[in-house]
Amino acid sequence: MMLQRLIVTGPNGAGKSYLAALLAAARPYVPVVSFDAIKLASNWNRRPQAEIDAELLKVGTSVSGGRLVADAAYRADILRLGRQMRSSWHGMST
């Protein structure tokens, strides 16, 4: 069975984004999802939750076949992405 989804987790500064990029380079057809890029605006300010959810929904609907490599520091981020992807697969929005 081929890898479908991989989420790299760990504390800030542990190299999650770096590892996710290396893994994705080995599988160029698998997109990389960075939660920092989704959650943070300029100067490390957090985006409003509605913007984050809208971006996650976009990611969930655009991921081909559900394949992705993601990096996330918080369990809540992983769960939120999972909910958004399930909703998009079933044709529902949350």
PDB file of N, CA and C in Angstrom:
ATOM      1  N   MET A   1       0.846  -1.184   0.000  1.00  0.00           N
ATOM      2  CA  MET A   1       0.000   0.000   0.000  1.00  0.00           C
ATOM      3  C   MET A   1       0.890   1.246   0.000  1.00  0.00           C
ATOM      4  N   MET A   2       0.533   2.199  -0.829  1.00  0.00           N
ATOM      5  CA  MET A   2       1.297   3.444  -0.962  1.00  0.00           C
ATOM      6  C   MET A   2       0.862   4.440   0.108  1.00  0.00           C
ATOM      7  N   LEU A   3       1.819   5.187   0.630  1.00  0.00           N
ATOM      8  CA  LEU A   3       1.537   6.227   1.609  1.00  0.00           C
ATOM      9  C   LEU A   3       0.515   7.211   1.054  1.00  0.00           C
ATOM     10  N   GLN A   4      -0.512   7.521   1.810  1.00  0.00           N
ATOM     11  CA  GLN A   4      -1.530   8.479   1.392  1.00  0.00           C
ATOM     12  C   GLN A   4      -1.378   9.815   2.096  1.00  0.00           C
ATOM     13  N   ARG A   5      -1.269   9.784   3.411  1.00  0.00           N
ATOM     14  CA  ARG A   5      -1.158  11.015   4.197  1.00  0.00           C
ATOM     15  C   ARG A   5      -0.096  10.821   5.278  1.00  0.00           C
ATOM     16  N   LEU A   6       0.714  11.844   5.423  1.00  0.00           N
ATOM     17  CA  LEU A   6       1.725  11.831   6.466  1.00  0.00           C
ATOM     18  C   LEU A   6       1.717  13.197   7.121  1.00  0.00           C
ATOM     19  N   ILE A   7       1.593  13.214   8.427  1.00  0.00           N
ATOM     20  CA  ILE A   7       1.621  14.468   9.169  1.00  0.00           C
ATOM     21  C   ILE A   7       2.811  14.431  10.115  1.00  0.00           C
ATOM     22  N   VAL A   8       3.715  15.384   9.934  1.00  0.00           N
ATOM     23  CA  VAL A   8       4.912  15.493  10.753  1.00  0.00           C
ATOM     24  C   VAL A   8       4.590  16.438  11.905  1.00  0.00           C
ATOM     25  N   THR A   9       4.746  15.954  13.123  1.00  0.00           N
ATOM     26  CA  THR A   9       4.432  16.774  14.289  1.00  0.00           C
ATOM     27  C   THR A   9       5.667  16.921  15.167  1.00  0.00           C
ATOM     28  N   GLY A  10       5.630  17.924  16.020  1.00  0.00           N
ATOM     29  CA  GLY A  10       6.725  18.150  16.950  1.00  0.00           C
ATOM     30  C   GLY A  10       6.682  19.581  17.446  1.00  0.00           C
ATOM     31  N   PRO A  11       7.554  19.900  18.384  1.00  0.00           N
ATOM     32  CA  PRO A  11       7.564  21.257  18.942  1.00  0.00           C
ATOM     33  C   PRO A  11       8.102  22.271  17.938  1.00  0.00           C
ATOM     34  N   ASN A  12       7.860  23.537  18.222  1.00  0.00           N
ATOM     35  CA  ASN A  12       8.366  24.611  17.368  1.00  0.00           C
ATOM     36  C   ASN A  12       9.887  24.509  17.249  1.00  0.00           C
ATOM     37  N   GLY A  13      10.370  24.695  16.031  1.00  0.00           N
ATOM     38  CA  GLY A  13      11.804  24.680  15.788  1.00  0.00           C
ATOM     39  C   GLY A  13      12.427  23.296  15.668  1.00  0.00           C
ATOM     40  N   ALA A  14      11.614  22.244  15.660  1.00  0.00           N
ATOM     41  CA  ALA A  14      12.147  20.881  15.615  1.00  0.00           C
ATOM     42  C   ALA A  14      12.530  20.430  14.210  1.00  0.00           C
ATOM     43  N   GLY A  15      12.117  21.187  13.178  1.00  0.00           N
ATOM     44  CA  GLY A  15      12.449  20.807  11.806  1.00  0.00           C
ATOM     45  C   GLY A  15      11.318  20.123  11.062  1.00  0.00           C
ATOM     46  N   LYS A  16      10.092  20.305  11.528  1.00  0.00           N
ATOM     47  CA  LYS A  16       8.935  19.670  10.890  1.00  0.00           C
ATOM     48  C   LYS A  16       8.788  20.086   9.427  1.00  0.00           C
ATOM     49  N   SER A  17       8.860  21.382   9.164  1.00  0.00           N
ATOM     50  CA  SER A  17       8.695  21.878   7.794  1.00  0.00           C
ATOM     51  C   SER A  17       9.809  21.375   6.898  1.00  0.00           C
ATOM     52  N   TYR A  18      11.007  21.339   7.429  1.00  0.00           N
ATOM     53  CA  TYR A  18      12.159  20.849   6.669  1.00  0.00           C
ATOM     54  C   TYR A  18      11.965  19.381   6.297  1.00  0.00           C
ATOM     55  N   LEU A  19      11.586  18.567   7.267  1.00  0.00           N
ATOM     56  CA  LEU A  19      11.371  17.143   7.015  1.00  0.00           C
ATOM     57  C   LEU A  19      10.211  16.942   6.032  1.00  0.00           C
ATOM     58  N   ALA A  20       9.138  17.685   6.205  1.00  0.00           N
ATOM     59  CA  ALA A  20       7.996  17.568   5.281  1.00  0.00           C
ATOM     60  C   ALA A  20       8.417  17.903   3.857  1.00  0.00           C
ATOM     61  N   ALA A  21       9.243  18.926   3.695  1.00  0.00           N
ATOM     62  CA  ALA A  21       9.726  19.302   2.358  1.00  0.00           C
ATOM     63  C   ALA A  21      10.605  18.203   1.763  1.00  0.00           C
ATOM     64  N   LEU A  22      11.467  17.590   2.562  1.00  0.00           N
ATOM     65  CA  LEU A  22      12.295  16.491   2.070  1.00  0.00           C
ATOM     66  C   LEU A  22      11.443  15.306   1.635  1.00  0.00           C
ATOM     67  N   LEU A  23      10.445  14.976   2.442  1.00  0.00           N
ATOM     68  CA  LEU A  23       9.565  13.858   2.103  1.00  0.00           C
ATOM     69  C   LEU A  23       8.780  14.148   0.820  1.00  0.00           C
ATOM     70  N   ALA A  24       8.301  15.360   0.696  1.00  0.00           N
ATOM     71  CA  ALA A  24       7.535  15.731  -0.491  1.00  0.00           C
ATOM     72  C   ALA A  24       8.419  15.752  -1.735  1.00  0.00           C
ATOM     73  N   ALA A  25       9.684  16.110  -1.579  1.00  0.00           N
ATOM     74  CA  ALA A  25      10.602  16.114  -2.722  1.00  0.00           C
ATOM     75  C   ALA A  25      10.774  14.705  -3.284  1.00  0.00           C
ATOM     76  N   ALA A  26      10.678  13.720  -2.411  1.00  0.00           N
ATOM     77  CA  ALA A  26      10.781  12.330  -2.859  1.00  0.00           C
ATOM     78  C   ALA A  26       9.519  11.876  -3.584  1.00  0.00           C
ATOM     79  N   ARG A  27       8.420  12.570  -3.356  1.00  0.00           N
ATOM     80  CA  ARG A  27       7.130  12.280  -4.001  1.00  0.00           C
ATOM     81  C   ARG A  27       6.557  13.595  -4.510  1.00  0.00           C
ATOM     82  N   PRO A  28       7.041  14.110  -5.646  1.00  0.00           N
ATOM     83  CA  PRO A  28       6.641  15.447  -6.114  1.00  0.00           C
ATOM     84  C   PRO A  28       5.151  15.598  -6.419  1.00  0.00           C
ATOM     85  N   TYR A  29       4.442  14.511  -6.585  1.00  0.00           N
ATOM     86  CA  TYR A  29       3.001  14.577  -6.846  1.00  0.00           C
ATOM     87  C   TYR A  29       2.181  14.713  -5.559  1.00  0.00           C
ATOM     88  N   VAL A  30       2.844  14.682  -4.414  1.00  0.00           N
ATOM     89  CA  VAL A  30       2.163  14.798  -3.124  1.00  0.00           C
ATOM     90  C   VAL A  30       2.372  16.224  -2.604  1.00  0.00           C
ATOM     91  N   PRO A  31       1.283  16.985  -2.405  1.00  0.00           N
ATOM     92  CA  PRO A  31       1.430  18.365  -1.932  1.00  0.00           C
ATOM     93  C   PRO A  31       1.847  18.441  -0.468  1.00  0.00           C
ATOM     94  N   VAL A  32       2.503  19.547  -0.130  1.00  0.00           N
ATOM     95  CA  VAL A  32       2.907  19.826   1.250  1.00  0.00           C
ATOM     96  C   VAL A  32       1.954  20.871   1.819  1.00  0.00           C
ATOM     97  N   VAL A  33       1.450  20.624   3.005  1.00  0.00           N
ATOM     98  CA  VAL A  33       0.576  21.557   3.699  1.00  0.00           C
ATOM     99  C   VAL A  33       1.309  22.028   4.945  1.00  0.00           C
ATOM    100  N   SER A  34       1.530  23.333   5.031  1.00  0.00           N
ATOM    101  CA  SER A  34       2.203  23.909   6.193  1.00  0.00           C
ATOM    102  C   SER A  34       1.178  24.651   7.043  1.00  0.00           C
ATOM    103  N   PHE A  35       1.007  24.206   8.268  1.00  0.00           N
ATOM    104  CA  PHE A  35       0.039  24.875   9.136  1.00  0.00           C
ATOM    105  C   PHE A  35       0.486  26.279   9.510  1.00  0.00           C
ATOM    106  N   ASP A  36       1.790  26.522   9.577  1.00  0.00           N
ATOM    107  CA  ASP A  36       2.243  27.887   9.841  1.00  0.00           C
ATOM    108  C   ASP A  36       1.782  28.821   8.723  1.00  0.00           C
ATOM    109  N   ALA A  37       1.905  28.366   7.487  1.00  0.00           N
ATOM    110  CA  ALA A  37       1.475  29.197   6.352  1.00  0.00           C
ATOM    111  C   ALA A  37      -0.033  29.436   6.369  1.00  0.00           C
ATOM    112  N   ILE A  38      -0.785  28.473   6.854  1.00  0.00           N
ATOM    113  CA  ILE A  38      -2.244  28.606   6.923  1.00  0.00           C
ATOM    114  C   ILE A  38      -2.659  29.471   8.106  1.00  0.00           C
ATOM    115  N   LYS A  39      -2.036  29.264   9.248  1.00  0.00           N
ATOM    116  CA  LYS A  39      -2.478  29.917  10.482  1.00  0.00           C
ATOM    117  C   LYS A  39      -1.921  31.310  10.705  1.00  0.00           C
ATOM    118  N   LEU A  40      -0.750  31.592  10.124  1.00  0.00           N
ATOM    119  CA  LEU A  40      -0.073  32.830  10.493  1.00  0.00           C
ATOM    120  C   LEU A  40      -0.058  33.838   9.355  1.00  0.00           C
ATOM    121  N   ALA A  41      -0.276  35.093   9.713  1.00  0.00           N
ATOM    122  CA  ALA A  41      -0.158  36.205   8.775  1.00  0.00           C
ATOM    123  C   ALA A  41       1.235  36.810   8.971  1.00  0.00           C
ATOM    124  N   SER A  42       1.421  38.019   8.506  1.00  0.00           N
ATOM    125  CA  SER A  42       2.726  38.659   8.650  1.00  0.00           C
ATOM    126  C   SER A  42       3.074  38.872  10.125  1.00  0.00           C
ATOM    127  N   ASN A  43       4.357  38.906  10.395  1.00  0.00           N
ATOM    128  CA  ASN A  43       4.874  39.129  11.753  1.00  0.00           C
ATOM    129  C   ASN A  43       4.398  38.086  12.761  1.00  0.00           C
ATOM    130  N   TRP A  44       4.145  36.887  12.301  1.00  0.00           N
ATOM    131  CA  TRP A  44       3.736  35.776  13.163  1.00  0.00           C
ATOM    132  C   TRP A  44       2.413  36.019  13.886  1.00  0.00           C
ATOM    133  N   ASN A  45       1.574  36.886  13.345  1.00  0.00           N
ATOM    134  CA  ASN A  45       0.251  37.118  13.929  1.00  0.00           C
ATOM    135  C   ASN A  45      -0.710  36.052  13.425  1.00  0.00           C
ATOM    136  N   ARG A  46      -1.519  35.543  14.338  1.00  0.00           N
ATOM    137  CA  ARG A  46      -2.480  34.500  13.975  1.00  0.00           C
ATOM    138  C   ARG A  46      -3.622  35.103  13.168  1.00  0.00           C
ATOM    139  N   ARG A  47      -4.003  34.409  12.107  1.00  0.00           N
ATOM    140  CA  ARG A  47      -5.154  34.825  11.300  1.00  0.00           C
ATOM    141  C   ARG A  47      -6.441  34.543  12.080  1.00  0.00           C
ATOM    142  N   PRO A  48      -7.532  35.214  11.741  1.00  0.00           N
ATOM    143  CA  PRO A  48      -8.827  34.878  12.360  1.00  0.00           C
ATOM    144  C   PRO A  48      -9.208  33.431  12.041  1.00  0.00           C
ATOM    145  N   GLN A  49      -9.893  32.785  12.972  1.00  0.00           N
ATOM    146  CA  GLN A  49     -10.240  31.367  12.809  1.00  0.00           C
ATOM    147  C   GLN A  49     -11.047  31.122  11.539  1.00  0.00           C
ATOM    148  N   ALA A  50     -11.914  32.040  11.150  1.00  0.00           N
ATOM    149  CA  ALA A  50     -12.706  31.857   9.929  1.00  0.00           C
ATOM    150  C   ALA A  50     -11.808  31.771   8.700  1.00  0.00           C
ATOM    151  N   GLU A  51     -10.736  32.564   8.657  1.00  0.00           N
ATOM    152  CA  GLU A  51      -9.785  32.506   7.536  1.00  0.00           C
ATOM    153  C   GLU A  51      -9.026  31.183   7.534  1.00  0.00           C
ATOM    154  N   ILE A  52      -8.645  30.730   8.709  1.00  0.00           N
ATOM    155  CA  ILE A  52      -7.934  29.459   8.823  1.00  0.00           C
ATOM    156  C   ILE A  52      -8.828  28.324   8.333  1.00  0.00           C
ATOM    157  N   ASP A  53     -10.066  28.302   8.793  1.00  0.00           N
ATOM    158  CA  ASP A  53     -10.995  27.250   8.384  1.00  0.00           C
ATOM    159  C   ASP A  53     -11.261  27.277   6.885  1.00  0.00           C
ATOM    160  N   ALA A  54     -11.383  28.475   6.310  1.00  0.00           N
ATOM    161  CA  ALA A  54     -11.605  28.598   4.864  1.00  0.00           C
ATOM    162  C   ALA A  54     -10.406  28.049   4.095  1.00  0.00           C
ATOM    163  N   GLU A  55      -9.201  28.338   4.567  1.00  0.00           N
ATOM    164  CA  GLU A  55      -7.999  27.833   3.893  1.00  0.00           C
ATOM    165  C   GLU A  55      -7.891  26.317   4.024  1.00  0.00           C
ATOM    166  N   LEU A  56      -8.224  25.789   5.202  1.00  0.00           N
ATOM    167  CA  LEU A  56      -8.213  24.337   5.390  1.00  0.00           C
ATOM    168  C   LEU A  56      -9.230  23.660   4.484  1.00  0.00           C
ATOM    169  N   LEU A  57     -10.382  24.277   4.307  1.00  0.00           N
ATOM    170  CA  LEU A  57     -11.389  23.714   3.410  1.00  0.00           C
ATOM    171  C   LEU A  57     -10.864  23.693   1.984  1.00  0.00           C
ATOM    172  N   LYS A  58     -10.171  24.764   1.585  1.00  0.00           N
ATOM    173  CA  LYS A  58      -9.566  24.808   0.249  1.00  0.00           C
ATOM    174  C   LYS A  58      -8.549  23.684   0.084  1.00  0.00           C
ATOM    175  N   VAL A  59      -7.725  23.491   1.098  1.00  0.00           N
ATOM    176  CA  VAL A  59      -6.723  22.423   1.050  1.00  0.00           C
ATOM    177  C   VAL A  59      -7.424  21.077   0.942  1.00  0.00           C
ATOM    178  N   GLY A  60      -8.451  20.881   1.753  1.00  0.00           N
ATOM    179  CA  GLY A  60      -9.165  19.610   1.757  1.00  0.00           C
ATOM    180  C   GLY A  60      -9.787  19.278   0.422  1.00  0.00           C
ATOM    181  N   THR A  61     -10.283  20.268  -0.284  1.00  0.00           N
ATOM    182  CA  THR A  61     -10.923  20.014  -1.575  1.00  0.00           C
ATOM    183  C   THR A  61      -9.919  19.920  -2.717  1.00  0.00           C
ATOM    184  N   SER A  62      -8.723  20.473  -2.526  1.00  0.00           N
ATOM    185  CA  SER A  62      -7.757  20.478  -3.621  1.00  0.00           C
ATOM    186  C   SER A  62      -6.763  19.327  -3.570  1.00  0.00           C
ATOM    187  N   VAL A  63      -6.684  18.633  -2.453  1.00  0.00           N
ATOM    188  CA  VAL A  63      -5.709  17.553  -2.314  1.00  0.00           C
ATOM    189  C   VAL A  63      -6.149  16.372  -3.158  1.00  0.00           C
ATOM    190  N   SER A  64      -5.336  16.027  -4.132  1.00  0.00           N
ATOM    191  CA  SER A  64      -5.650  14.964  -5.076  1.00  0.00           C
ATOM    192  C   SER A  64      -5.633  13.600  -4.402  1.00  0.00           C
ATOM    193  N   GLY A  65      -6.756  12.931  -4.396  1.00  0.00           N
ATOM    194  CA  GLY A  65      -6.830  11.593  -3.834  1.00  0.00           C
ATOM    195  C   GLY A  65      -6.568  11.518  -2.348  1.00  0.00           C
ATOM    196  N   GLY A  66      -6.580  12.662  -1.669  1.00  0.00           N
ATOM    197  CA  GLY A  66      -6.342  12.660  -0.237  1.00  0.00           C
ATOM    198  C   GLY A  66      -4.889  12.532   0.150  1.00  0.00           C
ATOM    199  N   ARG A  67      -3.986  12.578  -0.825  1.00  0.00           N
ATOM    200  CA  ARG A  67      -2.556  12.464  -0.525  1.00  0.00           C
ATOM    201  C   ARG A  67      -2.001  13.809  -0.072  1.00  0.00           C
ATOM    202  N   LEU A  68      -1.192  13.787   0.976  1.00  0.00           N
ATOM    203  CA  LEU A  68      -0.531  15.008   1.414  1.00  0.00           C
ATOM    204  C   LEU A  68       0.558  14.695   2.409  1.00  0.00           C
ATOM    205  N   VAL A  69       1.475  15.634   2.532  1.00  0.00           N
ATOM    206  CA  VAL A  69       2.454  15.665   3.616  1.00  0.00           C
ATOM    207  C   VAL A  69       2.202  16.983   4.322  1.00  0.00           C
ATOM    208  N   ALA A  70       1.977  16.943   5.619  1.00  0.00           N
ATOM    209  CA  ALA A  70       1.674  18.166   6.372  1.00  0.00           C
ATOM    210  C   ALA A  70       2.590  18.260   7.578  1.00  0.00           C
ATOM    211  N   ASP A  71       2.820  19.493   8.005  1.00  0.00           N
ATOM    212  CA  ASP A  71       3.543  19.694   9.257  1.00  0.00           C
ATOM    213  C   ASP A  71       2.662  20.505  10.192  1.00  0.00           C
ATOM    214  N   ALA A  72       2.619  20.076  11.435  1.00  0.00           N
ATOM    215  CA  ALA A  72       1.761  20.728  12.420  1.00  0.00           C
ATOM    216  C   ALA A  72       2.362  20.556  13.802  1.00  0.00           C
ATOM    217  N   ALA A  73       2.245  21.604  14.615  1.00  0.00           N
ATOM    218  CA  ALA A  73       2.771  21.533  15.975  1.00  0.00           C
ATOM    219  C   ALA A  73       1.695  21.126  16.974  1.00  0.00           C
ATOM    220  N   TYR A  74       0.440  21.307  16.607  1.00  0.00           N
ATOM    221  CA  TYR A  74      -0.627  21.099  17.580  1.00  0.00           C
ATOM    222  C   TYR A  74      -1.624  20.047  17.108  1.00  0.00           C
ATOM    223  N   ARG A  75      -2.036  19.204  18.018  1.00  0.00           N
ATOM    224  CA  ARG A  75      -3.001  18.140  17.720  1.00  0.00           C
ATOM    225  C   ARG A  75      -4.309  18.721  17.168  1.00  0.00           C
ATOM    226  N   ALA A  76      -4.725  19.870  17.671  1.00  0.00           N
ATOM    227  CA  ALA A  76      -5.967  20.493  17.196  1.00  0.00           C
ATOM    228  C   ALA A  76      -5.893  20.812  15.709  1.00  0.00           C
ATOM    229  N   ASP A  77      -4.709  21.208  15.220  1.00  0.00           N
ATOM    230  CA  ASP A  77      -4.547  21.480  13.788  1.00  0.00           C
ATOM    231  C   ASP A  77      -4.777  20.223  12.966  1.00  0.00           C
ATOM    232  N   ILE A  78      -4.214  19.131  13.425  1.00  0.00           N
ATOM    233  CA  ILE A  78      -4.347  17.860  12.712  1.00  0.00           C
ATOM    234  C   ILE A  78      -5.816  17.439  12.670  1.00  0.00           C
ATOM    235  N   LEU A  79      -6.489  17.548  13.798  1.00  0.00           N
ATOM    236  CA  LEU A  79      -7.901  17.168  13.851  1.00  0.00           C
ATOM    237  C   LEU A  79      -8.750  18.069  12.961  1.00  0.00           C
ATOM    238  N   ARG A  80      -8.447  19.352  12.944  1.00  0.00           N
ATOM    239  CA  ARG A  80      -9.208  20.296  12.113  1.00  0.00           C
ATOM    240  C   ARG A  80      -9.023  19.967  10.633  1.00  0.00           C
ATOM    241  N   LEU A  81      -7.794  19.670  10.213  1.00  0.00           N
ATOM    242  CA  LEU A  81      -7.556  19.306   8.819  1.00  0.00           C
ATOM    243  C   LEU A  81      -8.316  18.033   8.467  1.00  0.00           C
ATOM    244  N   GLY A  82      -8.290  17.061   9.359  1.00  0.00           N
ATOM    245  CA  GLY A  82      -9.020  15.815   9.116  1.00  0.00           C
ATOM    246  C   GLY A  82     -10.506  16.059   8.934  1.00  0.00           C
ATOM    247  N   ARG A  83     -11.075  16.901   9.769  1.00  0.00           N
ATOM    248  CA  ARG A  83     -12.513  17.215   9.634  1.00  0.00           C
ATOM    249  C   ARG A  83     -12.797  17.904   8.309  1.00  0.00           C
ATOM    250  N   GLN A  84     -11.963  18.853   7.927  1.00  0.00           N
ATOM    251  CA  GLN A  84     -12.170  19.583   6.676  1.00  0.00           C
ATOM    252  C   GLN A  84     -12.041  18.648   5.483  1.00  0.00           C
ATOM    253  N   MET A  85     -11.071  17.745   5.522  1.00  0.00           N
ATOM    254  CA  MET A  85     -10.891  16.825   4.404  1.00  0.00           C
ATOM    255  C   MET A  85     -12.048  15.854   4.305  1.00  0.00           C
ATOM    256  N   ARG A  86     -12.530  15.325   5.427  1.00  0.00           N
ATOM    257  CA  ARG A  86     -13.691  14.434   5.391  1.00  0.00           C
ATOM    258  C   ARG A  86     -14.906  15.147   4.841  1.00  0.00           C
ATOM    259  N   SER A  87     -15.119  16.390   5.259  1.00  0.00           N
ATOM    260  CA  SER A  87     -16.254  17.147   4.781  1.00  0.00           C
ATOM    261  C   SER A  87     -16.176  17.364   3.284  1.00  0.00           C
ATOM    262  N   SER A  88     -14.999  17.700   2.778  1.00  0.00           N
ATOM    263  CA  SER A  88     -14.867  17.950   1.345  1.00  0.00           C
ATOM    264  C   SER A  88     -15.022  16.655   0.556  1.00  0.00           C
ATOM    265  N   TRP A  89     -14.588  15.531   1.113  1.00  0.00           N
ATOM    266  CA  TRP A  89     -14.732  14.271   0.400  1.00  0.00           C
ATOM    267  C   TRP A  89     -16.195  13.883   0.286  1.00  0.00           C
ATOM    268  N   HIS A  90     -16.992  14.287   1.250  1.00  0.00           N
ATOM    269  CA  HIS A  90     -18.414  13.935   1.231  1.00  0.00           C
ATOM    270  C   HIS A  90     -19.269  15.029   0.599  1.00  0.00           C
ATOM    271  N   GLY A  91     -18.617  16.053   0.043  1.00  0.00           N
ATOM    272  CA  GLY A  91     -19.349  17.113  -0.631  1.00  0.00           C
ATOM    273  C   GLY A  91     -20.067  18.062   0.311  1.00  0.00           C
ATOM    274  N   MET A  92     -19.637  18.085   1.566  1.00  0.00           N
ATOM    275  CA  MET A  92     -20.262  18.974   2.545  1.00  0.00           C
ATOM    276  C   MET A  92     -19.232  19.986   2.996  1.00  0.00           C
ATOM    277  N   SER A  93     -19.687  21.169   3.355  1.00  0.00           N
ATOM    278  CA  SER A  93     -18.763  22.136   3.944  1.00  0.00           C
ATOM    279  C   SER A  93     -19.115  22.318   5.397  1.00  0.00           C
ATOM    280  N   THR A  94     -18.091  22.682   6.191  1.00  0.00           N
ATOM    281  CA  THR A  94     -18.356  22.879   7.621  1.00  0.00           C
ATOM    282  C   THR A  94     -18.307  24.321   7.966  1.00  0.00           C
TER     283      THR A  94
END
